[in-house]
Amino acid sequence: MTINRVPHFDPFDFGSFAKTAVGFEPILDKVKQISEYMPKISAYPPYNIVKVADNKYIIEIAVAGFSKQQIELELQDSVLTVKGSIESKDVKEEDYIFKGIADRAFTRKFTLADTIEVKNADLINGMLKIWLERFVPEEKKPKKIVINGEESEKQFLAEDK
């Protein structure tokens, strides 16, 4: 097999999945949207996402040197945006002998599922901790389906008329 015959692998191509899935178009579109901006994501500031229970998560962001007043959290359209702004300091750049601590503004975005709710946020020892919880609505919980006879088919078809 030559290199020209090797198919391109796209991890976000859901071709075979989409053939058997019904109603997942919004989710697949969201994943595609996320994948488009992934290469543009900065590595600063570093963060962790920790699953602490079946339906509870913590996002930990290393924000050493930032105060609560310099950090802004906003949730809009299932996107959690964390912004950090730095105030100018009295120390001039030329006064540093070595500067290894980054003190630059940042914006970090997290796409949350519709069932995830932001419960709280704390700034503890230079770590911003954002507490998240998943709520499963009643209509999304598993339910038993009763198997009926021919009468239910007639009733079902009659409802459209």
Protein backbone atom coordinates (compact mmCIF):
# COMPACT_ATOMS: atom_id res chain seq x y z
CA MET A 1 0.00 0.00 0.00
CA THR A 2 1.41 3.38 -0.93
CA ILE A 3 1.21 6.45 1.24
CA ASN A 4 -1.29 7.99 -1.19
CA ARG A 5 -3.77 5.20 -0.46
CA VAL A 6 -3.75 5.57 3.33
CA PRO A 7 -7.06 7.18 4.29
CA HIS A 8 -6.97 10.34 6.38
CA PHE A 9 -8.05 9.67 9.97
CA ASP A 10 -10.40 12.25 11.41
CA PRO A 11 -11.21 11.56 15.08
CA PHE A 12 -14.30 13.78 14.81
CA ASP A 13 -15.80 12.00 11.79
CA PHE A 14 -18.87 10.24 13.13
CA GLY A 15 -19.96 8.78 9.78
CA SER A 16 -20.74 5.23 10.89
CA PHE A 17 -22.12 6.38 14.25
CA ALA A 18 -24.43 8.90 12.58
CA LYS A 19 -25.97 6.13 10.47
CA THR A 20 -27.45 4.43 13.54
CA ALA A 21 -27.96 7.38 15.91
CA VAL A 22 -31.16 9.40 15.92
CA GLY A 23 -31.39 12.89 17.38
CA PHE A 24 -27.68 13.33 18.13
CA GLU A 25 -27.09 16.02 15.50
CA PRO A 26 -26.81 18.87 18.07
CA ILE A 27 -24.25 16.89 20.10
CA LEU A 28 -22.20 15.98 17.03
CA ASP A 29 -22.30 19.60 15.86
CA LYS A 30 -21.08 20.73 19.32
CA VAL A 31 -18.17 18.25 19.21
CA LYS A 32 -17.22 19.46 15.75
CA GLN A 33 -17.38 23.08 16.94
CA ILE A 34 -15.12 22.27 19.91
CA SER A 35 -12.64 20.44 17.67
CA GLU A 36 -12.31 23.49 15.43
CA TYR A 37 -10.89 25.70 18.19
CA MET A 38 -8.91 22.99 20.04
CA PRO A 39 -5.57 23.67 18.28
CA LYS A 40 -5.90 27.34 19.29
CA ILE A 41 -6.17 26.60 23.02
CA SER A 42 -3.33 28.00 25.11
CA ALA A 43 -1.63 25.87 27.76
CA TYR A 44 -1.76 28.78 30.24
CA PRO A 45 -2.89 28.55 32.94
CA PRO A 46 -2.61 24.81 33.60
CA TYR A 47 -5.72 23.06 34.88
CA ASN A 48 -7.14 19.72 36.06
CA ILE A 49 -10.61 18.27 35.74
CA VAL A 50 -11.33 15.82 38.55
CA LYS A 51 -14.32 13.48 38.89
CA VAL A 52 -14.92 13.29 42.65
CA ALA A 53 -18.20 11.32 42.59
CA ASP A 54 -20.61 9.85 40.05
CA ASN A 55 -22.16 13.24 39.31
CA LYS A 56 -19.66 15.71 40.80
CA TYR A 57 -16.59 17.31 39.23
CA ILE A 58 -14.00 19.94 40.11
CA ILE A 59 -12.12 22.11 37.65
CA GLU A 60 -8.83 23.21 39.25
CA ILE A 61 -6.95 26.08 37.62
CA ALA A 62 -3.50 27.20 38.79
CA VAL A 63 -3.84 30.97 39.21
CA ALA A 64 -0.95 31.80 41.52
CA GLY A 65 -0.58 35.55 41.92
CA PHE A 66 -4.19 36.35 41.04
CA SER A 67 -6.67 37.67 43.60
CA LYS A 68 -10.42 37.01 43.60
CA GLN A 69 -10.97 40.50 42.21
CA GLN A 70 -8.78 39.73 39.18
CA ILE A 71 -10.69 36.57 38.17
CA GLU A 72 -14.06 36.55 36.45
CA LEU A 73 -16.30 33.52 35.85
CA GLU A 74 -19.15 33.59 33.35
CA LEU A 75 -21.52 30.85 32.17
CA GLN A 76 -23.31 31.50 28.90
CA ASP A 77 -24.83 28.99 26.46
CA SER A 78 -23.18 26.03 28.24
CA VAL A 79 -19.72 27.60 27.96
CA LEU A 80 -17.92 28.41 31.22
CA THR A 81 -15.42 31.21 30.64
CA VAL A 82 -12.69 31.96 33.19
CA LYS A 83 -10.84 35.25 32.70
CA GLY A 84 -7.88 36.53 34.66
CA SER A 85 -6.67 40.11 34.42
CA ILE A 86 -3.41 41.43 35.84
CA GLU A 87 -2.99 44.90 37.21
CA SER A 88 0.21 46.71 36.44
CA LYS A 89 2.83 46.28 39.17
CA ASP A 90 5.23 48.80 40.61
CA VAL A 91 8.22 46.63 39.59
CA LYS A 92 9.55 47.41 36.11
CA GLU A 93 10.57 44.65 33.70
CA GLU A 94 14.21 45.78 33.80
CA ASP A 95 14.28 45.42 37.62
CA TYR A 96 13.84 41.63 37.39
CA ILE A 97 17.00 39.54 37.57
CA PHE A 98 14.96 36.45 36.63
CA LYS A 99 11.25 36.31 35.90
CA GLY A 100 9.84 32.77 35.88
CA ILE A 101 6.34 33.45 37.20
CA ALA A 102 3.90 34.33 34.47
CA ASP A 103 1.73 37.31 35.22
CA ARG A 104 -0.28 37.62 32.06
CA ALA A 105 -3.98 37.87 31.47
CA PHE A 106 -5.77 34.72 30.33
CA THR A 107 -9.07 33.38 29.11
CA ARG A 108 -9.92 29.69 29.46
CA LYS A 109 -13.20 28.19 28.19
CA PHE A 110 -14.90 24.93 29.16
CA THR A 111 -17.91 23.54 27.32
CA LEU A 112 -20.36 22.02 29.79
CA ALA A 113 -23.17 19.59 29.09
CA ASP A 114 -26.69 20.93 29.49
CA THR A 115 -27.08 18.79 32.62
CA ILE A 116 -24.01 20.28 34.37
CA GLU A 117 -24.56 23.07 36.88
CA VAL A 118 -21.85 25.29 38.41
CA LYS A 119 -22.35 24.99 42.17
CA ASN A 120 -19.53 27.10 43.61
CA ALA A 121 -16.04 28.53 43.05
CA ASP A 122 -13.24 28.96 45.58
CA LEU A 123 -9.74 30.42 45.43
CA ILE A 124 -7.57 28.31 47.76
CA ASN A 125 -3.77 28.61 47.91
CA GLY A 126 -3.40 29.81 44.33
CA MET A 127 -5.84 27.24 42.93
CA LEU A 128 -9.22 28.28 41.56
CA LYS A 129 -11.62 25.41 42.23
CA ILE A 130 -14.91 25.34 40.36
CA TRP A 131 -17.41 22.82 41.71
CA LEU A 132 -19.73 21.23 39.15
CA GLU A 133 -22.63 18.83 39.52
CA ARG A 134 -24.56 16.80 36.95
CA PHE A 135 -28.34 16.75 37.31
CA VAL A 136 -30.25 14.10 35.39
CA PRO A 137 -33.74 15.36 34.58
CA GLU A 138 -36.64 12.97 35.18
CA GLU A 139 -37.29 12.62 31.46
CA LYS A 140 -33.68 11.44 30.95
CA LYS A 141 -33.78 8.77 33.65
CA PRO A 142 -34.39 5.15 32.55
CA LYS A 143 -38.00 4.06 32.42
CA LYS A 144 -39.82 0.81 31.69
CA ILE A 145 -41.83 0.64 28.47
CA VAL A 146 -45.07 -1.32 28.63
CA ILE A 147 -45.76 -3.65 25.68
CA ASN A 148 -49.39 -3.31 24.56
CA GLY A 149 -51.54 -5.03 21.94
CA GLU A 150 -53.25 -3.94 18.75
CA GLU A 151 -55.57 -1.49 20.50
CA SER A 152 -52.68 0.85 21.37
CA GLU A 153 -51.65 1.02 17.69
CA LYS A 154 -55.15 2.14 16.69
CA GLN A 155 -55.21 4.67 19.50
CA PHE A 156 -51.74 5.98 18.58
CA LEU A 157 -52.71 6.42 14.92
CA ALA A 158 -56.01 8.04 15.88
CA GLU A 159 -54.20 10.74 17.91
CA ASP A 160 -52.74 12.30 14.74
CA LYS A 161 -56.16 12.87 13.17
